[in-house]
Protein backbone atom coordinates (compact mmCIF):
# COMPACT_ATOMS: atom_id res chain seq x y z
CA MET A 1 13.21 8.91 -11.13
CA SER A 2 9.60 9.25 -11.08
CA THR A 3 7.54 9.97 -7.82
CA VAL A 4 4.07 8.81 -7.78
CA ARG A 5 1.17 8.41 -5.24
CA VAL A 6 -1.25 5.60 -5.47
CA SER A 7 -4.45 5.11 -3.25
CA VAL A 8 -5.35 1.52 -3.04
CA ILE A 9 -8.21 -0.49 -1.33
CA ILE A 10 -7.73 -4.07 -1.28
CA LYS A 11 -10.85 -6.33 -0.71
CA GLY A 12 -11.16 -10.00 0.51
CA ARG A 13 -9.72 -11.85 3.54
CA VAL A 14 -7.48 -9.16 4.30
CA GLN A 15 -8.03 -8.34 7.96
CA GLY A 16 -6.90 -10.35 10.76
CA VAL A 17 -3.96 -11.77 8.69
CA TYR A 18 -1.34 -9.36 9.19
CA PHE A 19 -2.01 -7.66 5.86
CA ARG A 20 -1.03 -4.41 7.32
CA TYR A 21 1.78 -5.35 9.13
CA GLU A 22 3.47 -7.22 6.29
CA THR A 23 2.41 -4.32 3.82
CA ARG A 24 4.78 -2.00 6.08
CA GLN A 25 7.31 -4.53 5.88
CA GLN A 26 7.48 -4.64 1.85
CA ALA A 27 7.32 -0.99 1.73
CA LEU A 28 10.35 -0.71 4.16
CA ALA A 29 11.96 -2.88 2.05
CA LEU A 30 11.26 -0.97 -0.96
CA GLY A 31 11.64 2.65 0.30
CA VAL A 32 8.27 3.55 -0.42
CA LYS A 33 6.40 5.74 1.92
CA GLY A 34 2.98 6.36 3.06
CA TRP A 35 0.18 4.45 5.43
CA VAL A 36 -2.03 1.53 5.33
CA LYS A 37 -4.82 0.69 7.75
CA ASN A 38 -8.41 -1.07 8.04
CA ARG A 39 -11.56 -0.11 7.09
CA PRO A 40 -14.70 -0.75 9.15
CA ASP A 41 -16.25 -2.35 5.90
CA GLY A 42 -13.43 -5.24 6.10
CA ALA A 43 -11.15 -3.93 3.51
CA VAL A 44 -7.66 -2.50 3.65
CA GLU A 45 -6.90 1.15 2.68
CA GLY A 46 -3.49 2.67 1.80
CA VAL A 47 -1.57 5.38 0.34
CA PHE A 48 2.09 4.70 -1.28
CA GLU A 49 4.42 7.06 -2.56
CA GLY A 50 7.57 6.81 -4.33
CA ASP A 51 9.66 5.64 -6.96
CA ARG A 52 7.30 4.17 -9.77
CA GLU A 53 8.99 0.70 -9.80
CA CYS A 54 9.33 0.35 -6.57
CA VAL A 55 5.35 1.73 -5.58
CA LYS A 56 4.22 -0.84 -8.43
CA LYS A 57 6.01 -3.72 -7.00
CA LEU A 58 4.31 -3.07 -3.52
CA VAL A 59 0.82 -2.82 -5.44
CA GLU A 60 1.59 -6.00 -7.03
CA TRP A 61 2.35 -7.68 -3.57
CA CYS A 62 -0.83 -6.48 -2.36
CA ARG A 63 -2.57 -8.15 -5.02
CA GLN A 64 -1.77 -11.58 -3.09
CA GLY A 65 -0.78 -10.33 0.47
CA PRO A 66 0.64 -12.34 3.28
CA PRO A 67 -0.14 -16.31 3.61
CA GLY A 68 -3.56 -16.21 5.05
CA ALA A 69 -5.21 -13.65 2.79
CA GLU A 70 -7.36 -14.08 -0.08
CA VAL A 71 -7.72 -10.98 -1.87
CA THR A 72 -10.86 -10.78 -3.92
CA GLU A 73 -10.51 -7.06 -5.55
CA LEU A 74 -7.95 -4.01 -5.42
CA GLN A 75 -8.89 -0.52 -6.54
CA GLU A 76 -6.00 1.55 -7.51
CA ASN A 77 -6.09 5.40 -8.19
CA TRP A 78 -2.82 6.85 -9.47
CA GLU A 79 -1.28 10.07 -9.47
CA GLU A 80 2.16 11.87 -10.49
CA LEU A 81 3.42 13.98 -7.50
CA GLN A 82 4.25 17.24 -9.08
CA SER A 83 7.14 18.19 -6.72
CA ASN A 84 8.80 14.89 -7.23
CA ARG A 85 8.91 14.93 -3.28
CA CYS A 86 6.75 12.50 -0.98
CA ASP A 87 4.32 14.14 1.53
CA PHE A 88 5.53 11.36 4.21
CA SER A 89 8.42 11.05 5.86
CA CYS A 90 7.91 7.05 6.86
CA PHE A 91 5.46 4.36 6.34
CA ARG A 92 3.06 3.93 9.08
CA ILE A 93 0.20 1.40 10.17
CA GLU A 94 -2.97 3.82 11.14
CA TYR A 95 -5.43 2.48 13.57
C-alpha cells in the first residue's frame, strides 16, 4: 500500500452547497484522513492522506462535488509520505 498526501484548492461555486460536509462523508467512506475548509476567497481547500487509490477517488469526487456545486478548477499538489503513516488521525472540517 502506497500512502500519499495531496493538497487541493477547489474553485467555483463550492461554498454554501455542503461541499465540506459531503467531502468529509466521502473521505470517511474511503478511509481517507485530513481536513477541508472554506477559504476567504470563495474556494475550498483541503489536505487528504491515505492509500493512493482512495485519495485519488476523493480527488476525482471533488472535481464535481455535491449537487449544487459548480467546480471550475481543481489545483492539486501530490507527495509521497516517507513514513507510510498519515499525519492525521481522522478527517475533519476546519473553521
